[in-house]
């Protein structure tokens, strides 16, 4: 069986994120699907997919994915909650964004996600 070292997985994830930044959504999706075979429980992959959907301007799809997949696997993920709030804000739904952003802002396990959520709440 082929093994994927964590530094290799991180490199591929970074390549997927660069592809998202260049609007190469299909290429990024292909990389994420391949990575899921090796890292099925990695919250970073679910975060990357949420970023992909938001970058493709599919904000409702991002919220749906986060609720249906991401938060089911990672219910305490501050980053997924922050991204959910961000997607709601992009849909001009600040009323729906407030709860996930407050939840993320109050978590201490992921300072970057908490800071993102606090910044979005302003």
PDB file of N, CA and C in Angstrom:
ATOM      1  N   UNK A   1       0.839  -1.179   0.000  1.00  0.00           N
ATOM      2  CA  UNK A   1       0.000   0.000   0.000  1.00  0.00           C
ATOM      3  C   UNK A   1       0.881   1.238   0.000  1.00  0.00           C
ATOM      4  N   UNK A   2       0.517   2.193  -0.783  1.00  0.00           N
ATOM      5  CA  UNK A   2       1.241   3.451  -0.887  1.00  0.00           C
ATOM      6  C   UNK A   2       0.914   4.321   0.326  1.00  0.00           C
ATOM      7  N   UNK A   3       1.926   4.877   0.941  1.00  0.00           N
ATOM      8  CA  UNK A   3       1.746   5.769   2.082  1.00  0.00           C
ATOM      9  C   UNK A   3       2.052   7.203   1.649  1.00  0.00           C
ATOM     10  N   UNK A   4       1.380   8.128   2.264  1.00  0.00           N
ATOM     11  CA  UNK A   4       1.605   9.538   1.989  1.00  0.00           C
ATOM     12  C   UNK A   4       2.088  10.174   3.286  1.00  0.00           C
ATOM     13  N   UNK A   5       3.307  10.660   3.273  1.00  0.00           N
ATOM     14  CA  UNK A   5       3.883  11.307   4.450  1.00  0.00           C
ATOM     15  C   UNK A   5       3.141  12.616   4.719  1.00  0.00           C
ATOM     16  N   UNK A   6       3.149  13.063   5.969  1.00  0.00           N
ATOM     17  CA  UNK A   6       2.419  14.288   6.282  1.00  0.00           C
ATOM     18  C   UNK A   6       2.975  15.507   5.567  1.00  0.00           C
ATOM     19  N   UNK A   7       4.281  15.562   5.356  1.00  0.00           N
ATOM     20  CA  UNK A   7       4.830  16.710   4.619  1.00  0.00           C
ATOM     21  C   UNK A   7       4.401  16.671   3.149  1.00  0.00           C
ATOM     22  N   UNK A   8       4.236  15.476   2.591  1.00  0.00           N
ATOM     23  CA  UNK A   8       3.751  15.347   1.211  1.00  0.00           C
ATOM     24  C   UNK A   8       2.279  15.764   1.117  1.00  0.00           C
ATOM     25  N   UNK A   9       1.488  15.345   2.105  1.00  0.00           N
ATOM     26  CA  UNK A   9       0.072  15.723   2.127  1.00  0.00           C
ATOM     27  C   UNK A   9      -0.073  17.231   2.265  1.00  0.00           C
ATOM     28  N   UNK A  10       0.744  17.844   3.108  1.00  0.00           N
ATOM     29  CA  UNK A  10       0.708  19.291   3.298  1.00  0.00           C
ATOM     30  C   UNK A  10       1.077  20.010   1.998  1.00  0.00           C
ATOM     31  N   UNK A  11       2.079  19.484   1.294  1.00  0.00           N
ATOM     32  CA  UNK A  11       2.480  20.068   0.016  1.00  0.00           C
ATOM     33  C   UNK A  11       1.333  19.998  -0.996  1.00  0.00           C
ATOM     34  N   UNK A  12       0.692  18.845  -1.087  1.00  0.00           N
ATOM     35  CA  UNK A  12      -0.427  18.700  -2.025  1.00  0.00           C
ATOM     36  C   UNK A  12      -1.593  19.602  -1.643  1.00  0.00           C
ATOM     37  N   UNK A  13      -1.852  19.730  -0.348  1.00  0.00           N
ATOM     38  CA  UNK A  13      -2.915  20.632   0.093  1.00  0.00           C
ATOM     39  C   UNK A  13      -2.578  22.070  -0.286  1.00  0.00           C
ATOM     40  N   UNK A  14      -1.335  22.470  -0.112  1.00  0.00           N
ATOM     41  CA  UNK A  14      -0.916  23.817  -0.504  1.00  0.00           C
ATOM     42  C   UNK A  14      -1.063  24.028  -2.012  1.00  0.00           C
ATOM     43  N   UNK A  15      -0.764  22.999  -2.784  1.00  0.00           N
ATOM     44  CA  UNK A  15      -0.939  23.099  -4.239  1.00  0.00           C
ATOM     45  C   UNK A  15      -2.417  23.260  -4.576  1.00  0.00           C
ATOM     46  N   UNK A  16      -3.283  22.515  -3.878  1.00  0.00           N
ATOM     47  CA  UNK A  16      -4.727  22.651  -4.097  1.00  0.00           C
ATOM     48  C   UNK A  16      -5.184  24.072  -3.765  1.00  0.00           C
ATOM     49  N   UNK A  17      -4.679  24.627  -2.674  1.00  0.00           N
ATOM     50  CA  UNK A  17      -5.062  25.986  -2.291  1.00  0.00           C
ATOM     51  C   UNK A  17      -4.545  27.013  -3.306  1.00  0.00           C
ATOM     52  N   UNK A  18      -3.355  26.783  -3.841  1.00  0.00           N
ATOM     53  CA  UNK A  18      -2.854  27.677  -4.893  1.00  0.00           C
ATOM     54  C   UNK A  18      -3.728  27.572  -6.138  1.00  0.00           C
ATOM     55  N   UNK A  19      -4.175  26.363  -6.457  1.00  0.00           N
ATOM     56  CA  UNK A  19      -5.060  26.187  -7.617  1.00  0.00           C
ATOM     57  C   UNK A  19      -6.374  26.941  -7.392  1.00  0.00           C
ATOM     58  N   UNK A  20      -6.894  26.892  -6.177  1.00  0.00           N
ATOM     59  CA  UNK A  20      -8.117  27.634  -5.861  1.00  0.00           C
ATOM     60  C   UNK A  20      -7.878  29.126  -6.081  1.00  0.00           C
ATOM     61  N   UNK A  21      -6.743  29.610  -5.611  1.00  0.00           N
ATOM     62  CA  UNK A  21      -6.411  31.025  -5.767  1.00  0.00           C
ATOM     63  C   UNK A  21      -6.286  31.459  -7.215  1.00  0.00           C
ATOM     64  N   UNK A  22      -6.029  30.519  -8.095  1.00  0.00           N
ATOM     65  CA  UNK A  22      -5.919  30.827  -9.531  1.00  0.00           C
ATOM     66  C   UNK A  22      -7.191  30.434 -10.289  1.00  0.00           C
ATOM     67  N   UNK A  23      -8.275  30.178  -9.536  1.00  0.00           N
ATOM     68  CA  UNK A  23      -9.571  29.786 -10.115  1.00  0.00           C
ATOM     69  C   UNK A  23      -9.491  28.486 -10.904  1.00  0.00           C
ATOM     70  N   UNK A  24      -8.583  27.619 -10.519  1.00  0.00           N
ATOM     71  CA  UNK A  24      -8.451  26.288 -11.130  1.00  0.00           C
ATOM     72  C   UNK A  24      -9.179  25.300 -10.231  1.00  0.00           C
ATOM     73  N   UNK A  25     -10.495  25.468 -10.156  1.00  0.00           N
ATOM     74  CA  UNK A  25     -11.304  24.738  -9.193  1.00  0.00           C
ATOM     75  C   UNK A  25     -11.326  23.235  -9.449  1.00  0.00           C
ATOM     76  N   UNK A  26     -11.386  22.828 -10.702  1.00  0.00           N
ATOM     77  CA  UNK A  26     -11.402  21.396 -11.012  1.00  0.00           C
ATOM     78  C   UNK A  26     -10.074  20.742 -10.624  1.00  0.00           C
ATOM     79  N   UNK A  27      -8.973  21.416 -10.879  1.00  0.00           N
ATOM     80  CA  UNK A  27      -7.660  20.881 -10.477  1.00  0.00           C
ATOM     81  C   UNK A  27      -7.584  20.742  -8.965  1.00  0.00           C
ATOM     82  N   UNK A  28      -8.063  21.759  -8.251  1.00  0.00           N
ATOM     83  CA  UNK A  28      -8.058  21.705  -6.788  1.00  0.00           C
ATOM     84  C   UNK A  28      -8.932  20.567  -6.287  1.00  0.00           C
ATOM     85  N   UNK A  29     -10.097  20.402  -6.891  1.00  0.00           N
ATOM     86  CA  UNK A  29     -11.008  19.322  -6.484  1.00  0.00           C
ATOM     87  C   UNK A  29     -10.367  17.955  -6.702  1.00  0.00           C
ATOM     88  N   UNK A  30      -9.674  17.794  -7.809  1.00  0.00           N
ATOM     89  CA  UNK A  30      -8.995  16.531  -8.097  1.00  0.00           C
ATOM     90  C   UNK A  30      -7.956  16.216  -7.025  1.00  0.00           C
ATOM     91  N   UNK A  31      -7.201  17.221  -6.622  1.00  0.00           N
ATOM     92  CA  UNK A  31      -6.193  17.021  -5.580  1.00  0.00           C
ATOM     93  C   UNK A  31      -6.864  16.681  -4.252  1.00  0.00           C
ATOM     94  N   UNK A  32      -7.937  17.383  -3.911  1.00  0.00           N
ATOM     95  CA  UNK A  32      -8.628  17.127  -2.643  1.00  0.00           C
ATOM     96  C   UNK A  32      -9.220  15.726  -2.597  1.00  0.00           C
ATOM     97  N   UNK A  33      -9.791  15.272  -3.706  1.00  0.00           N
ATOM     98  CA  UNK A  33     -10.333  13.908  -3.767  1.00  0.00           C
ATOM     99  C   UNK A  33      -9.222  12.892  -3.541  1.00  0.00           C
ATOM    100  N   UNK A  34      -8.080  13.105  -4.170  1.00  0.00           N
ATOM    101  CA  UNK A  34      -6.948  12.183  -3.992  1.00  0.00           C
ATOM    102  C   UNK A  34      -6.459  12.206  -2.543  1.00  0.00           C
ATOM    103  N   UNK A  35      -6.366  13.387  -1.944  1.00  0.00           N
ATOM    104  CA  UNK A  35      -5.897  13.485  -0.563  1.00  0.00           C
ATOM    105  C   UNK A  35      -6.850  12.807   0.418  1.00  0.00           C
ATOM    106  N   UNK A  36      -8.142  12.857   0.137  1.00  0.00           N
ATOM    107  CA  UNK A  36      -9.126  12.239   1.031  1.00  0.00           C
ATOM    108  C   UNK A  36      -8.918  10.734   1.159  1.00  0.00           C
ATOM    109  N   UNK A  37      -8.352  10.116   0.149  1.00  0.00           N
ATOM    110  CA  UNK A  37      -8.059   8.679   0.229  1.00  0.00           C
ATOM    111  C   UNK A  37      -7.038   8.386   1.324  1.00  0.00           C
ATOM    112  N   UNK A  38      -6.113   9.318   1.503  1.00  0.00           N
ATOM    113  CA  UNK A  38      -5.020   9.115   2.443  1.00  0.00           C
ATOM    114  C   UNK A  38      -5.278   9.773   3.796  1.00  0.00           C
ATOM    115  N   UNK A  39      -6.080  10.797   3.823  1.00  0.00           N
ATOM    116  CA  UNK A  39      -6.346  11.560   5.046  1.00  0.00           C
ATOM    117  C   UNK A  39      -7.845  11.813   5.191  1.00  0.00           C
ATOM    118  N   UNK A  40      -8.659  10.746   5.307  1.00  0.00           N
ATOM    119  CA  UNK A  40     -10.115  10.933   5.323  1.00  0.00           C
ATOM    120  C   UNK A  40     -10.633  11.758   6.500  1.00  0.00           C
ATOM    121  N   UNK A  41      -9.930  11.812   7.596  1.00  0.00           N
ATOM    122  CA  UNK A  41     -10.405  12.560   8.751  1.00  0.00           C
ATOM    123  C   UNK A  41      -9.741  13.901   8.945  1.00  0.00           C
ATOM    124  N   UNK A  42      -9.059  14.404   7.937  1.00  0.00           N
ATOM    125  CA  UNK A  42      -8.299  15.644   8.066  1.00  0.00           C
ATOM    126  C   UNK A  42      -9.212  16.856   7.887  1.00  0.00           C
ATOM    127  N   UNK A  43      -9.366  17.628   8.937  1.00  0.00           N
ATOM    128  CA  UNK A  43     -10.228  18.805   8.898  1.00  0.00           C
ATOM    129  C   UNK A  43      -9.732  19.821   7.873  1.00  0.00           C
ATOM    130  N   UNK A  44      -8.444  19.851   7.608  1.00  0.00           N
ATOM    131  CA  UNK A  44      -7.906  20.796   6.621  1.00  0.00           C
ATOM    132  C   UNK A  44      -8.497  20.558   5.236  1.00  0.00           C
ATOM    133  N   UNK A  45      -8.813  19.321   4.913  1.00  0.00           N
ATOM    134  CA  UNK A  45      -9.416  19.029   3.605  1.00  0.00           C
ATOM    135  C   UNK A  45     -10.833  19.577   3.533  1.00  0.00           C
ATOM    136  N   UNK A  46     -11.573  19.464   4.631  1.00  0.00           N
ATOM    137  CA  UNK A  46     -12.924  20.018   4.648  1.00  0.00           C
ATOM    138  C   UNK A  46     -12.880  21.541   4.603  1.00  0.00           C
ATOM    139  N   UNK A  47     -11.918  22.138   5.276  1.00  0.00           N
ATOM    140  CA  UNK A  47     -11.746  23.597   5.205  1.00  0.00           C
ATOM    141  C   UNK A  47     -11.387  24.022   3.782  1.00  0.00           C
ATOM    142  N   UNK A  48     -10.494  23.277   3.143  1.00  0.00           N
ATOM    143  CA  UNK A  48     -10.100  23.601   1.770  1.00  0.00           C
ATOM    144  C   UNK A  48     -11.289  23.496   0.816  1.00  0.00           C
ATOM    145  N   UNK A  49     -12.130  22.490   1.015  1.00  0.00           N
ATOM    146  CA  UNK A  49     -13.304  22.357   0.146  1.00  0.00           C
ATOM    147  C   UNK A  49     -14.261  23.530   0.373  1.00  0.00           C
ATOM    148  N   UNK A  50     -14.408  23.980   1.611  1.00  0.00           N
ATOM    149  CA  UNK A  50     -15.258  25.148   1.886  1.00  0.00           C
ATOM    150  C   UNK A  50     -14.689  26.380   1.191  1.00  0.00           C
ATOM    151  N   UNK A  51     -13.376  26.556   1.246  1.00  0.00           N
ATOM    152  CA  UNK A  51     -12.725  27.674   0.563  1.00  0.00           C
ATOM    153  C   UNK A  51     -12.946  27.568  -0.945  1.00  0.00           C
ATOM    154  N   UNK A  52     -12.828  26.369  -1.474  1.00  0.00           N
ATOM    155  CA  UNK A  52     -13.050  26.152  -2.901  1.00  0.00           C
ATOM    156  C   UNK A  52     -14.462  26.602  -3.297  1.00  0.00           C
ATOM    157  N   UNK A  53     -15.453  26.171  -2.541  1.00  0.00           N
ATOM    158  CA  UNK A  53     -16.838  26.533  -2.864  1.00  0.00           C
ATOM    159  C   UNK A  53     -17.063  28.038  -2.752  1.00  0.00           C
ATOM    160  N   UNK A  54     -16.499  28.653  -1.708  1.00  0.00           N
ATOM    161  CA  UNK A  54     -16.669  30.105  -1.576  1.00  0.00           C
ATOM    162  C   UNK A  54     -15.931  30.851  -2.687  1.00  0.00           C
ATOM    163  N   UNK A  55     -14.757  30.375  -3.057  1.00  0.00           N
ATOM    164  CA  UNK A  55     -14.006  31.009  -4.134  1.00  0.00           C
ATOM    165  C   UNK A  55     -14.735  30.902  -5.466  1.00  0.00           C
ATOM    166  N   UNK A  56     -15.494  29.835  -5.630  1.00  0.00           N
ATOM    167  CA  UNK A  56     -16.308  29.655  -6.830  1.00  0.00           C
ATOM    168  C   UNK A  56     -17.640  30.412  -6.729  1.00  0.00           C
ATOM    169  N   UNK A  57     -17.774  31.201  -5.657  1.00  0.00           N
ATOM    170  CA  UNK A  57     -18.965  32.007  -5.388  1.00  0.00           C
ATOM    171  C   UNK A  57     -20.204  31.158  -5.138  1.00  0.00           C
ATOM    172  N   UNK A  58     -19.996  29.934  -4.682  1.00  0.00           N
ATOM    173  CA  UNK A  58     -21.096  29.045  -4.318  1.00  0.00           C
ATOM    174  C   UNK A  58     -21.224  29.068  -2.794  1.00  0.00           C
ATOM    175  N   UNK A  59     -21.697  30.182  -2.270  1.00  0.00           N
ATOM    176  CA  UNK A  59     -21.746  30.374  -0.829  1.00  0.00           C
ATOM    177  C   UNK A  59     -22.775  29.457  -0.167  1.00  0.00           C
ATOM    178  N   UNK A  60     -23.920  29.279  -0.809  1.00  0.00           N
ATOM    179  CA  UNK A  60     -24.918  28.364  -0.258  1.00  0.00           C
ATOM    180  C   UNK A  60     -24.382  26.931  -0.267  1.00  0.00           C
ATOM    181  N   UNK A  61     -23.660  26.570  -1.312  1.00  0.00           N
ATOM    182  CA  UNK A  61     -23.041  25.247  -1.369  1.00  0.00           C
ATOM    183  C   UNK A  61     -21.999  25.057  -0.283  1.00  0.00           C
ATOM    184  N   UNK A  62     -21.263  26.132   0.036  1.00  0.00           N
ATOM    185  CA  UNK A  62     -20.263  26.061   1.106  1.00  0.00           C
ATOM    186  C   UNK A  62     -20.941  25.820   2.444  1.00  0.00           C
ATOM    187  N   UNK A  63     -22.018  26.553   2.714  1.00  0.00           N
ATOM    188  CA  UNK A  63     -22.751  26.353   3.974  1.00  0.00           C
ATOM    189  C   UNK A  63     -23.296  24.933   4.038  1.00  0.00           C
ATOM    190  N   UNK A  64     -23.873  24.468   2.941  1.00  0.00           N
ATOM    191  CA  UNK A  64     -24.420  23.110   2.897  1.00  0.00           C
ATOM    192  C   UNK A  64     -23.319  22.082   3.147  1.00  0.00           C
ATOM    193  N   UNK A  65     -22.183  22.234   2.482  1.00  0.00           N
ATOM    194  CA  UNK A  65     -21.074  21.292   2.667  1.00  0.00           C
ATOM    195  C   UNK A  65     -20.574  21.313   4.112  1.00  0.00           C
ATOM    196  N   UNK A  66     -20.403  22.505   4.660  1.00  0.00           N
ATOM    197  CA  UNK A  66     -19.922  22.614   6.037  1.00  0.00           C
ATOM    198  C   UNK A  66     -20.889  21.933   6.999  1.00  0.00           C
ATOM    199  N   UNK A  67     -22.189  22.172   6.826  1.00  0.00           N
ATOM    200  CA  UNK A  67     -23.188  21.569   7.714  1.00  0.00           C
ATOM    201  C   UNK A  67     -23.310  20.065   7.512  1.00  0.00           C
ATOM    202  N   UNK A  68     -23.357  19.639   6.252  1.00  0.00           N
ATOM    203  CA  UNK A  68     -23.642  18.241   5.929  1.00  0.00           C
ATOM    204  C   UNK A  68     -22.435  17.327   6.103  1.00  0.00           C
ATOM    205  N   UNK A  69     -21.228  17.859   5.867  1.00  0.00           N
ATOM    206  CA  UNK A  69     -20.031  17.021   5.894  1.00  0.00           C
ATOM    207  C   UNK A  69     -19.030  17.492   6.950  1.00  0.00           C
ATOM    208  N   UNK A  70     -18.583  18.732   6.809  1.00  0.00           N
ATOM    209  CA  UNK A  70     -17.504  19.227   7.651  1.00  0.00           C
ATOM    210  C   UNK A  70     -17.802  19.177   9.138  1.00  0.00           C
ATOM    211  N   UNK A  71     -18.910  19.798   9.544  1.00  0.00           N
ATOM    212  CA  UNK A  71     -19.220  19.843  10.975  1.00  0.00           C
ATOM    213  C   UNK A  71     -19.729  18.516  11.510  1.00  0.00           C
ATOM    214  N   UNK A  72     -20.192  17.639  10.633  1.00  0.00           N
ATOM    215  CA  UNK A  72     -20.571  16.284  11.080  1.00  0.00           C
ATOM    216  C   UNK A  72     -19.318  15.535  11.516  1.00  0.00           C
ATOM    217  N   UNK A  73     -18.249  15.660  10.733  1.00  0.00           N
ATOM    218  CA  UNK A  73     -16.987  14.987  11.062  1.00  0.00           C
ATOM    219  C   UNK A  73     -16.195  15.737  12.129  1.00  0.00           C
ATOM    220  N   UNK A  74     -16.322  17.063  12.155  1.00  0.00           N
ATOM    221  CA  UNK A  74     -15.504  17.904  13.040  1.00  0.00           C
ATOM    222  C   UNK A  74     -16.401  18.949  13.716  1.00  0.00           C
ATOM    223  N   UNK A  75     -17.252  18.522  14.641  1.00  0.00           N
ATOM    224  CA  UNK A  75     -18.242  19.445  15.216  1.00  0.00           C
ATOM    225  C   UNK A  75     -17.643  20.613  15.994  1.00  0.00           C
ATOM    226  N   UNK A  76     -16.413  20.508  16.417  1.00  0.00           N
ATOM    227  CA  UNK A  76     -15.790  21.581  17.196  1.00  0.00           C
ATOM    228  C   UNK A  76     -14.810  22.422  16.396  1.00  0.00           C
ATOM    229  N   UNK A  77     -14.843  22.314  15.088  1.00  0.00           N
ATOM    230  CA  UNK A  77     -13.882  23.041  14.255  1.00  0.00           C
ATOM    231  C   UNK A  77     -14.227  24.525  14.192  1.00  0.00           C
ATOM    232  N   UNK A  78     -13.390  25.321  14.833  1.00  0.00           N
ATOM    233  CA  UNK A  78     -13.589  26.767  14.801  1.00  0.00           C
ATOM    234  C   UNK A  78     -13.431  27.312  13.386  1.00  0.00           C
ATOM    235  N   UNK A  79     -12.514  26.736  12.607  1.00  0.00           N
ATOM    236  CA  UNK A  79     -12.298  27.243  11.252  1.00  0.00           C
ATOM    237  C   UNK A  79     -13.515  26.978  10.372  1.00  0.00           C
ATOM    238  N   UNK A  80     -14.098  25.794  10.474  1.00  0.00           N
ATOM    239  CA  UNK A  80     -15.306  25.523   9.692  1.00  0.00           C
ATOM    240  C   UNK A  80     -16.439  26.457  10.101  1.00  0.00           C
ATOM    241  N   UNK A  81     -16.566  26.721  11.393  1.00  0.00           N
ATOM    242  CA  UNK A  81     -17.594  27.657  11.848  1.00  0.00           C
ATOM    243  C   UNK A  81     -17.327  29.062  11.315  1.00  0.00           C
ATOM    244  N   UNK A  82     -16.066  29.482  11.340  1.00  0.00           N
ATOM    245  CA  UNK A  82     -15.720  30.804  10.806  1.00  0.00           C
ATOM    246  C   UNK A  82     -16.027  30.878   9.310  1.00  0.00           C
ATOM    247  N   UNK A  83     -15.697  29.825   8.581  1.00  0.00           N
ATOM    248  CA  UNK A  83     -15.989  29.811   7.145  1.00  0.00           C
ATOM    249  C   UNK A  83     -17.496  29.806   6.891  1.00  0.00           C
ATOM    250  N   UNK A  84     -18.238  29.123   7.733  1.00  0.00           N
ATOM    251  CA  UNK A  84     -19.699  29.130   7.589  1.00  0.00           C
ATOM    252  C   UNK A  84     -20.231  30.545   7.769  1.00  0.00           C
ATOM    253  N   UNK A  85     -19.746  31.227   8.804  1.00  0.00           N
ATOM    254  CA  UNK A  85     -20.157  32.611   9.017  1.00  0.00           C
ATOM    255  C   UNK A  85     -19.754  33.502   7.850  1.00  0.00           C
ATOM    256  N   UNK A  86     -18.551  33.288   7.336  1.00  0.00           N
ATOM    257  CA  UNK A  86     -18.075  34.067   6.197  1.00  0.00           C
ATOM    258  C   UNK A  86     -18.982  33.862   4.980  1.00  0.00           C
ATOM    259  N   UNK A  87     -19.367  32.630   4.727  1.00  0.00           N
ATOM    260  CA  UNK A  87     -20.243  32.342   3.586  1.00  0.00           C
ATOM    261  C   UNK A  87     -21.590  33.044   3.753  1.00  0.00           C
ATOM    262  N   UNK A  88     -22.126  33.012   4.974  1.00  0.00           N
ATOM    263  CA  UNK A  88     -23.384  33.729   5.213  1.00  0.00           C
ATOM    264  C   UNK A  88     -23.219  35.232   4.989  1.00  0.00           C
ATOM    265  N   UNK A  89     -22.097  35.780   5.427  1.00  0.00           N
ATOM    266  CA  UNK A  89     -21.872  37.203   5.196  1.00  0.00           C
ATOM    267  C   UNK A  89     -21.816  37.516   3.708  1.00  0.00           C
ATOM    268  N   UNK A  90     -21.190  36.646   2.937  1.00  0.00           N
ATOM    269  CA  UNK A  90     -21.106  36.849   1.487  1.00  0.00           C
ATOM    270  C   UNK A  90     -22.475  36.741   0.827  1.00  0.00           C
ATOM    271  N   UNK A  91     -23.413  36.057   1.488  1.00  0.00           N
ATOM    272  CA  UNK A  91     -24.790  35.962   0.981  1.00  0.00           C
ATOM    273  C   UNK A  91     -25.653  37.092   1.532  1.00  0.00           C
ATOM    274  N   UNK A  92     -25.016  38.078   2.195  1.00  0.00           N
ATOM    275  CA  UNK A  92     -25.738  39.179   2.833  1.00  0.00           C
ATOM    276  C   UNK A  92     -26.749  38.678   3.858  1.00  0.00           C
ATOM    277  N   UNK A  93     -26.300  37.699   4.661  1.00  0.00           N
ATOM    278  CA  UNK A  93     -27.137  37.145   5.729  1.00  0.00           C
ATOM    279  C   UNK A  93     -26.428  37.280   7.080  1.00  0.00           C
ATOM    280  N   UNK A  94     -26.182  38.513   7.538  1.00  0.00           N
ATOM    281  CA  UNK A  94     -25.480  38.682   8.811  1.00  0.00           C
ATOM    282  C   UNK A  94     -26.225  38.065   9.989  1.00  0.00           C
ATOM    283  N   UNK A  95     -27.555  37.968   9.883  1.00  0.00           N
ATOM    284  CA  UNK A  95     -28.341  37.345  10.938  1.00  0.00           C
ATOM    285  C   UNK A  95     -27.965  35.869  11.106  1.00  0.00           C
ATOM    286  N   UNK A  96     -27.696  35.176  10.003  1.00  0.00           N
ATOM    287  CA  UNK A  96     -27.311  33.765  10.048  1.00  0.00           C
ATOM    288  C   UNK A  96     -25.824  33.605  10.362  1.00  0.00           C
ATOM    289  N   UNK A  97     -25.024  34.606  10.058  1.00  0.00           N
ATOM    290  CA  UNK A  97     -23.574  34.532  10.261  1.00  0.00           C
ATOM    291  C   UNK A  97     -23.189  34.683  11.723  1.00  0.00           C
ATOM    292  N   UNK A  98     -23.979  35.391  12.477  1.00  0.00           N
ATOM    293  CA  UNK A  98     -23.595  35.747  13.840  1.00  0.00           C
ATOM    294  C   UNK A  98     -23.341  34.540  14.737  1.00  0.00           C
ATOM    295  N   UNK A  99     -24.221  33.565  14.724  1.00  0.00           N
ATOM    296  CA  UNK A  99     -24.066  32.411  15.634  1.00  0.00           C
ATOM    297  C   UNK A  99     -22.781  31.615  15.372  1.00  0.00           C
ATOM    298  N   UNK A 100     -22.530  31.163  14.124  1.00  0.00           N
ATOM    299  CA  UNK A 100     -21.288  30.407  13.930  1.00  0.00           C
ATOM    300  C   UNK A 100     -20.033  31.245  14.190  1.00  0.00           C
ATOM    301  N   UNK A 101     -20.092  32.549  13.879  1.00  0.00           N
ATOM    302  CA  UNK A 101     -18.929  33.393  14.122  1.00  0.00           C
ATOM    303  C   UNK A 101     -18.669  33.571  15.613  1.00  0.00           C
ATOM    304  N   UNK A 102     -19.721  33.731  16.395  1.00  0.00           N
ATOM    305  CA  UNK A 102     -19.545  33.852  17.851  1.00  0.00           C
ATOM    306  C   UNK A 102     -19.006  32.555  18.438  1.00  0.00           C
ATOM    307  N   UNK A 103     -19.514  31.426  17.962  1.00  0.00           N
ATOM    308  CA  UNK A 103     -19.002  30.135  18.440  1.00  0.00           C
ATOM    309  C   UNK A 103     -17.514  29.992  18.129  1.00  0.00           C
ATOM    310  N   UNK A 104     -17.125  30.342  16.917  1.00  0.00           N
ATOM    311  CA  UNK A 104     -15.713  30.236  16.518  1.00  0.00           C
ATOM    312  C   UNK A 104     -14.849  31.222  17.284  1.00  0.00           C
ATOM    313  N   UNK A 105     -15.346  32.429  17.482  1.00  0.00           N
ATOM    314  CA  UNK A 105     -14.572  33.476  18.159  1.00  0.00           C
ATOM    315  C   UNK A 105     -14.265  33.114  19.604  1.00  0.00           C
ATOM    316  N   UNK A 106     -15.108  32.307  20.202  1.00  0.00           N
ATOM    317  CA  UNK A 106     -14.931  31.945  21.609  1.00  0.00           C
ATOM    318  C   UNK A 106     -14.118  30.681  21.824  1.00  0.00           C
ATOM    319  N   UNK A 107     -13.673  30.031  20.757  1.00  0.00           N
ATOM    320  CA  UNK A 107     -12.868  28.816  20.909  1.00  0.00           C
ATOM    321  C   UNK A 107     -11.404  29.169  21.063  1.00  0.00           C
ATOM    322  N   UNK A 108     -10.716  28.382  21.866  1.00  0.00           N
ATOM    323  CA  UNK A 108      -9.300  28.642  22.118  1.00  0.00           C
ATOM    324  C   UNK A 108      -8.381  27.637  21.432  1.00  0.00           C
ATOM    325  N   UNK A 109      -8.920  26.562  20.880  1.00  0.00           N
ATOM    326  CA  UNK A 109      -8.088  25.526  20.256  1.00  0.00           C
ATOM    327  C   UNK A 109      -7.438  25.984  18.949  1.00  0.00           C
ATOM    328  N   UNK A 110      -8.056  26.929  18.276  1.00  0.00           N
ATOM    329  CA  UNK A 110      -7.549  27.408  16.990  1.00  0.00           C
ATOM    330  C   UNK A 110      -7.540  28.936  17.001  1.00  0.00           C
ATOM    331  N   UNK A 111      -6.442  29.533  17.486  1.00  0.00           N
ATOM    332  CA  UNK A 111      -6.392  30.997  17.591  1.00  0.00           C
ATOM    333  C   UNK A 111      -6.595  31.724  16.262  1.00  0.00           C
ATOM    334  N   UNK A 112      -6.097  31.151  15.165  1.00  0.00           N
ATOM    335  CA  UNK A 112      -6.260  31.807  13.864  1.00  0.00           C
ATOM    336  C   UNK A 112      -7.732  31.863  13.470  1.00  0.00           C
ATOM    337  N   UNK A 113      -8.464  30.770  13.697  1.00  0.00           N
ATOM    338  CA  UNK A 113      -9.888  30.732  13.372  1.00  0.00           C
ATOM    339  C   UNK A 113     -10.672  31.685  14.274  1.00  0.00           C
ATOM    340  N   UNK A 114     -10.320  31.705  15.545  1.00  0.00           N
ATOM    341  CA  UNK A 114     -10.987  32.604  16.478  1.00  0.00           C
ATOM    342  C   UNK A 114     -10.773  34.063  16.078  1.00  0.00           C
ATOM    343  N   UNK A 115      -9.555  34.398  15.667  1.00  0.00           N
ATOM    344  CA  UNK A 115      -9.259  35.768  15.236  1.00  0.00           C
ATOM    345  C   UNK A 115     -10.024  36.110  13.956  1.00  0.00           C
ATOM    346  N   UNK A 116     -10.067  35.188  13.016  1.00  0.00           N
ATOM    347  CA  UNK A 116     -10.822  35.393  11.787  1.00  0.00           C
ATOM    348  C   UNK A 116     -12.285  35.686  12.123  1.00  0.00           C
ATOM    349  N   UNK A 117     -12.856  34.873  13.003  1.00  0.00           N
ATOM    350  CA  UNK A 117     -14.261  35.056  13.382  1.00  0.00           C
ATOM    351  C   UNK A 117     -14.469  36.406  14.062  1.00  0.00           C
ATOM    352  N   UNK A 118     -13.565  36.783  14.964  1.00  0.00           N
ATOM    353  CA  UNK A 118     -13.693  38.086  15.625  1.00  0.00           C
ATOM    354  C   UNK A 118     -13.618  39.222  14.606  1.00  0.00           C
ATOM    355  N   UNK A 119     -12.709  39.095  13.649  1.00  0.00           N
ATOM    356  CA  UNK A 119     -12.585  40.129  12.613  1.00  0.00           C
ATOM    357  C   UNK A 119     -13.853  40.222  11.767  1.00  0.00           C
ATOM    358  N   UNK A 120     -14.448  39.090  11.472  1.00  0.00           N
ATOM    359  CA  UNK A 120     -15.675  39.085  10.667  1.00  0.00           C
ATOM    360  C   UNK A 120     -16.879  39.614  11.435  1.00  0.00           C
ATOM    361  N   UNK A 121     -16.845  39.496  12.752  1.00  0.00           N
ATOM    362  CA  UNK A 121     -17.949  40.007  13.567  1.00  0.00           C
ATOM    363  C   UNK A 121     -17.959  41.532  13.648  1.00  0.00           C
ATOM    364  N   UNK A 122     -16.858  42.169  13.349  1.00  0.00           N
ATOM    365  CA  UNK A 122     -16.774  43.637  13.449  1.00  0.00           C
ATOM    366  C   UNK A 122     -17.580  44.342  12.394  1.00  0.00           C
TER     367      UNK A 122
END
